[in-house]
């Protein structure tokens, strides 16, 4: 099942759960260090590994469950009528099976992010939490199952920035960091219209600044490794954005600006002014490069 079909089916399962009040969980799976397979054994072997992984996942879940490749070396398993604790058990079973299947020849492992759908939650929020869970699994050592649980009272934004597929850079970690920046911006606007939530908005603004610094550091490391000719200019633009973010934080802290200004900053300066313009300049060189291991 390809991503388009799987996404359509997932929308349908969300609607079914909303209508009938049934449980719904999702597992996102990413093959750890898959690039090493392609680099060591070639892309044909990499394709065979992807096919074997898809077959393994399908063979270990129920006939009513949905399995499909989401993109690259990432897969999604949708589990209707399944609570989080049961979905985590399924994910652990899949993780162990993957270790066993690839133990002798390729030493391949997988990271698993697990979430349960919350009543009223839309597709983007559901997928976003699953992506965060997967990212957490990879950031904390890989070859593990991680779940993310959020309270059902999570505020819903009146407006939001939605990730577009054509914004993808060719580096999975950069794209995950970009998506996290957007989710933080969306969380900020969800709380920034109420004066009562000012402290929470300030905390989210702190998180946004930390994520920007973390992202810029990683991205610059990638650009150095691929020999990107515009690296110094890109670094300068990063420094400008960090300075703007610090000024914004101070202005909100002093009460000179409302927290919603952070959402505008991400929309205009980070997304429109940087991700869609400056970052797009390195997409072609990055997609044609071979990175030497992990950054």
Foldseek 3Di string as FASTA:
>chain_A
DEQVVVLVVVQVLLVVCLVPVAKKKKKKKAKPPLLVCCVPPNVVVSVVLLVVLQVLLVVQDDPPWDWYANDDRMIMIMDTRDDQVVVQVSVLVSQVVSCVVCVPPNNMGMAMEMEMDAHPDHPVVNVLQSLVRRVVCVVVPGSHYGYDDDDSVQFFAPDFDDDDPVLDQQDPVLVSLLVVLRVLLRSLRRQQVDPVCLVVLLVSLVVNLVSLVVSVVQVLVLCVQLVPVCSVVLVVLSVVLSVVSVVVSVCSVVVVDTSNVVSVCCVVCVVVNPSVPVSNVCRVSSNPDDGDDDD
